[in-house]
C-alpha atoms as a PDB file:
ATOM      1  CA  UNK A   1      77.801  88.579  94.187  1.00  0.00           C
ATOM      2  CA  UNK A   2      81.223  90.184  93.461  1.00  0.00           C
ATOM      3  CA  UNK A   3      83.477  88.525  90.974  1.00  0.00           C
ATOM      4  CA  UNK A   4      86.708  88.719  92.946  1.00  0.00           C
ATOM      5  CA  UNK A   5      88.919  88.139  89.930  1.00  0.00           C
ATOM      6  CA  UNK A   6      87.828  91.667  88.901  1.00  0.00           C
ATOM      7  CA  UNK A   7      89.647  92.832  92.031  1.00  0.00           C
ATOM      8  CA  UNK A   8      93.002  91.555  90.935  1.00  0.00           C
ATOM      9  CA  UNK A   9      95.534  94.442  90.985  1.00  0.00           C
ATOM     10  CA  UNK A  10      92.849  96.843  92.116  1.00  0.00           C
ATOM     11  CA  UNK A  11      92.698  98.815  95.382  1.00  0.00           C
ATOM     12  CA  UNK A  12      89.427  98.703  97.378  1.00  0.00           C
ATOM     13  CA  UNK A  13      87.740 101.692  99.056  1.00  0.00           C
ATOM     14  CA  UNK A  14      84.962 100.592 101.541  1.00  0.00           C
ATOM     15  CA  UNK A  15      82.641 103.372 102.718  1.00  0.00           C
ATOM     16  CA  UNK A  16      79.774 103.155 105.214  1.00  0.00           C
ATOM     17  CA  UNK A  17      77.020 105.133 103.597  1.00  0.00           C
ATOM     18  CA  UNK A  18      73.590 106.607 104.364  1.00  0.00           C
ATOM     19  CA  UNK A  19      71.025 108.355 102.337  1.00  0.00           C
ATOM     20  CA  UNK A  20      69.778 110.921 104.806  1.00  0.00           C
ATOM     21  CA  UNK A  21      73.020 112.487 106.207  1.00  0.00           C
ATOM     22  CA  UNK A  22      74.824 115.720 105.900  1.00  0.00           C
ATOM     23  CA  UNK A  23      77.539 113.745 104.093  1.00  0.00           C
ATOM     24  CA  UNK A  24      75.168 111.994 101.690  1.00  0.00           C
ATOM     25  CA  UNK A  25      76.357 114.360  98.761  1.00  0.00           C
ATOM     26  CA  UNK A  26      79.638 112.460  99.070  1.00  0.00           C
ATOM     27  CA  UNK A  27      78.003 109.922  96.738  1.00  0.00           C
ATOM     28  CA  UNK A  28      78.861 112.463  94.042  1.00  0.00           C
ATOM     29  CA  UNK A  29      82.573 112.303  94.793  1.00  0.00           C
ATOM     30  CA  UNK A  30      82.612 108.547  95.328  1.00  0.00           C
ATOM     31  CA  UNK A  31      81.026 108.189  91.841  1.00  0.00           C
ATOM     32  CA  UNK A  32      83.707 110.550  90.425  1.00  0.00           C
ATOM     33  CA  UNK A  33      86.453 108.362  91.978  1.00  0.00           C
ATOM     34  CA  UNK A  34      84.736 105.348  90.623  1.00  0.00           C
ATOM     35  CA  UNK A  35      84.838 106.698  87.018  1.00  0.00           C
ATOM     36  CA  UNK A  36      88.317 108.218  87.345  1.00  0.00           C
ATOM     37  CA  UNK A  37      89.974 105.209  88.701  1.00  0.00           C
ATOM     38  CA  UNK A  38      87.813 102.460  87.218  1.00  0.00           C
ATOM     39  CA  UNK A  39      90.878 100.548  86.065  1.00  0.00           C
ATOM     40  CA  UNK A  40      92.636 100.461  89.503  1.00  0.00           C
ATOM     41  CA  UNK A  41      90.040 101.013  92.302  1.00  0.00           C
ATOM     42  CA  UNK A  42      86.835  99.358  93.373  1.00  0.00           C
ATOM     43  CA  UNK A  43      84.543 101.155  95.642  1.00  0.00           C
ATOM     44  CA  UNK A  44      81.906  99.313  97.628  1.00  0.00           C
ATOM     45  CA  UNK A  45      79.341 101.254  99.678  1.00  0.00           C
ATOM     46  CA  UNK A  46      78.077  99.566 102.855  1.00  0.00           C
ATOM     47  CA  UNK A  47      74.638 101.291 103.653  1.00  0.00           C
ATOM     48  CA  UNK A  48      74.215 101.468 107.400  1.00  0.00           C
ATOM     49  CA  UNK A  49      71.467 102.722 109.856  1.00  0.00           C
ATOM     50  CA  UNK A  50      73.991 102.905 112.735  1.00  0.00           C
ATOM     51  CA  UNK A  51      74.214 106.551 113.039  1.00  0.00           C
ATOM     52  CA  UNK A  52      71.253 108.852 113.676  1.00  0.00           C
ATOM     53  CA  UNK A  53      68.973 106.363 111.940  1.00  0.00           C
ATOM     54  CA  UNK A  54      69.917 108.005 108.550  1.00  0.00           C
ATOM     55  CA  UNK A  55      69.529 104.916 106.456  1.00  0.00           C
ATOM     56  CA  UNK A  56      66.045 103.526 107.191  1.00  0.00           C
ATOM     57  CA  UNK A  57      65.289 102.183 103.599  1.00  0.00           C
ATOM     58  CA  UNK A  58      65.455  98.583 102.299  1.00  0.00           C
ATOM     59  CA  UNK A  59      68.454  97.525 100.004  1.00  0.00           C
ATOM     60  CA  UNK A  60      66.263  98.145  96.959  1.00  0.00           C
ATOM     61  CA  UNK A  61      65.100 101.638  98.124  1.00  0.00           C
ATOM     62  CA  UNK A  62      68.705 102.550  98.909  1.00  0.00           C
ATOM     63  CA  UNK A  63      70.055 101.299  95.540  1.00  0.00           C
ATOM     64  CA  UNK A  64      67.370 103.214  93.661  1.00  0.00           C
ATOM     65  CA  UNK A  65      68.059 106.387  95.712  1.00  0.00           C
ATOM     66  CA  UNK A  66      71.769 106.281  94.956  1.00  0.00           C
ATOM     67  CA  UNK A  67      71.288 105.601  91.325  1.00  0.00           C
ATOM     68  CA  UNK A  68      68.545 108.156  90.874  1.00  0.00           C
ATOM     69  CA  UNK A  69      69.981 111.075  92.833  1.00  0.00           C
ATOM     70  CA  UNK A  70      73.768 110.513  92.355  1.00  0.00           C
ATOM     71  CA  UNK A  71      74.096 108.220  89.446  1.00  0.00           C
ATOM     72  CA  UNK A  72      75.906 105.626  91.394  1.00  0.00           C
ATOM     73  CA  UNK A  73      77.139 102.703  89.463  1.00  0.00           C
ATOM     74  CA  UNK A  74      79.612 101.289  91.971  1.00  0.00           C
ATOM     75  CA  UNK A  75      78.406  98.330  94.135  1.00  0.00           C
ATOM     76  CA  UNK A  76      76.501  98.588  97.342  1.00  0.00           C
ATOM     77  CA  UNK A  77      76.574  95.841  99.842  1.00  0.00           C
ATOM     78  CA  UNK A  78      73.439  94.767 101.801  1.00  0.00           C
ATOM     79  CA  UNK A  79      72.553  97.183 104.591  1.00  0.00           C
ATOM     80  CA  UNK A  80      74.919  96.338 107.488  1.00  0.00           C
ATOM     81  CA  UNK A  81      75.909  97.101 111.002  1.00  0.00           C
ATOM     82  CA  UNK A  82      79.340  98.723 110.882  1.00  0.00           C
ATOM     83  CA  UNK A  83      79.801  99.771 114.571  1.00  0.00           C
ATOM     84  CA  UNK A  84      81.650  97.324 116.974  1.00  0.00           C
ATOM     85  CA  UNK A  85      78.452  95.806 118.290  1.00  0.00           C
ATOM     86  CA  UNK A  86      76.640  92.514 117.940  1.00  0.00           C
ATOM     87  CA  UNK A  87      75.853  91.725 114.338  1.00  0.00           C
ATOM     88  CA  UNK A  88      78.705  93.857 113.000  1.00  0.00           C
ATOM     89  CA  UNK A  89      79.308  92.904 109.269  1.00  0.00           C
ATOM     90  CA  UNK A  90      82.248  90.560 108.992  1.00  0.00           C
ATOM     91  CA  UNK A  91      84.040  92.872 106.728  1.00  0.00           C
ATOM     92  CA  UNK A  92      83.943  95.532 109.273  1.00  0.00           C
ATOM     93  CA  UNK A  93      84.892  93.125 111.974  1.00  0.00           C
ATOM     94  CA  UNK A  94      88.231  92.752 109.936  1.00  0.00           C
ATOM     95  CA  UNK A  95      88.551  96.494 109.234  1.00  0.00           C
ATOM     96  CA  UNK A  96      88.247  97.467 112.796  1.00  0.00           C
ATOM     97  CA  UNK A  97      90.280  94.856 114.644  1.00  0.00           C
ATOM     98  CA  UNK A  98      94.015  95.344 114.602  1.00  0.00           C
ATOM     99  CA  UNK A  99      94.559  91.729 115.422  1.00  0.00           C
ATOM    100  CA  UNK A 100      93.000  90.842 112.008  1.00  0.00           C
ATOM    101  CA  UNK A 101      94.059  93.838 109.796  1.00  0.00           C
ATOM    102  CA  UNK A 102      97.489  94.503 111.409  1.00  0.00           C
ATOM    103  CA  UNK A 103      97.094  98.146 112.693  1.00  0.00           C
ATOM    104  CA  UNK A 104      93.666  99.665 112.788  1.00  0.00           C
ATOM    105  CA  UNK A 105      91.102  99.483 115.618  1.00  0.00           C
ATOM    106  CA  UNK A 106      89.033 102.486 114.547  1.00  0.00           C
ATOM    107  CA  UNK A 107      85.423 101.755 113.642  1.00  0.00           C
ATOM    108  CA  UNK A 108      83.299 104.293 111.859  1.00  0.00           C
ATOM    109  CA  UNK A 109      82.156 107.018 114.193  1.00  0.00           C
ATOM    110  CA  UNK A 110      79.654 108.509 111.656  1.00  0.00           C
ATOM    111  CA  UNK A 111      78.528 107.830 108.049  1.00  0.00           C
ATOM    112  CA  UNK A 112      80.994 108.011 105.189  1.00  0.00           C
ATOM    113  CA  UNK A 113      84.124 106.793 106.887  1.00  0.00           C
ATOM    114  CA  UNK A 114      86.479 105.370 104.328  1.00  0.00           C
ATOM    115  CA  UNK A 115      88.957 102.306 104.431  1.00  0.00           C
ATOM    116  CA  UNK A 116      91.516 101.819 101.696  1.00  0.00           C
ATOM    117  CA  UNK A 117      92.851  98.391 100.917  1.00  0.00           C
ATOM    118  CA  UNK A 118      95.814  97.855  98.689  1.00  0.00           C
ATOM    119  CA  UNK A 119      96.268  95.467  95.876  1.00  0.00           C
ATOM    120  CA  UNK A 120      97.727  92.871  98.208  1.00  0.00           C
ATOM    121  CA  UNK A 121      94.767  92.859 100.406  1.00  0.00           C
ATOM    122  CA  UNK A 122      96.268  95.108 103.229  1.00  0.00           C
ATOM    123  CA  UNK A 123      94.372  97.900 104.945  1.00  0.00           C
ATOM    124  CA  UNK A 124      96.548 100.875 104.276  1.00  0.00           C
ATOM    125  CA  UNK A 125      94.412 104.018 105.258  1.00  0.00           C
ATOM    126  CA  UNK A 126      91.386 105.061 107.393  1.00  0.00           C
ATOM    127  CA  UNK A 127      89.677 108.413 106.516  1.00  0.00           C
ATOM    128  CA  UNK A 128      87.053 110.053 108.682  1.00  0.00           C
ATOM    129  CA  UNK A 129      83.820 111.194 107.345  1.00  0.00           C
ATOM    130  CA  UNK A 130      84.867 114.764 106.805  1.00  0.00           C
ATOM    131  CA  UNK A 131      87.445 113.718 104.208  1.00  0.00           C
ATOM    132  CA  UNK A 132      85.762 114.284 100.883  1.00  0.00           C
ATOM    133  CA  UNK A 133      86.258 111.554  98.206  1.00  0.00           C
ATOM    134  CA  UNK A 134      88.033 113.939  95.798  1.00  0.00           C
ATOM    135  CA  UNK A 135      90.144 115.504  98.405  1.00  0.00           C
ATOM    136  CA  UNK A 136      94.040 115.399  97.790  1.00  0.00           C
ATOM    137  CA  UNK A 137      94.634 113.299 100.910  1.00  0.00           C
ATOM    138  CA  UNK A 138      92.406 110.475  99.533  1.00  0.00           C
ATOM    139  CA  UNK A 139      93.642 110.835  95.942  1.00  0.00           C
ATOM    140  CA  UNK A 140      97.184 110.539  96.933  1.00  0.00           C
ATOM    141  CA  UNK A 141      96.476 107.423  98.896  1.00  0.00           C
ATOM    142  CA  UNK A 142      94.787 105.839  95.967  1.00  0.00           C
ATOM    143  CA  UNK A 143      97.669 106.933  93.552  1.00  0.00           C
ATOM    144  CA  UNK A 144     100.567 105.752  95.819  1.00  0.00           C
END
């Protein structure tokens, strides 16, 4: 379980992840972000099998894969449904419903979509899969 006191004055980046995707290499950049901004940003990966069945493993298998292949030390949630369908993870229900988060209705349309939440708990940015973790656009959002 997460200790939410550790989130005080930190931004949060939520990313739906998969181990067998063309974007899986983004784990490298996410780990770099995690290390670079460890005092101001918390990254949480949400493994999901929603797109192309690219995350078939168990939670333990996924965690081992991420640690072994990409040195991932940021937290991973339990494997979740992130699409707007029955069983959608409650976090993604909030992220993808403008009536709950204030502006965004966009659900992930593929693996490695990114949602940035500010230190006040407001959703501020959505980034498509193709935006790399270390890209200027994402770095600027973290640093603003």
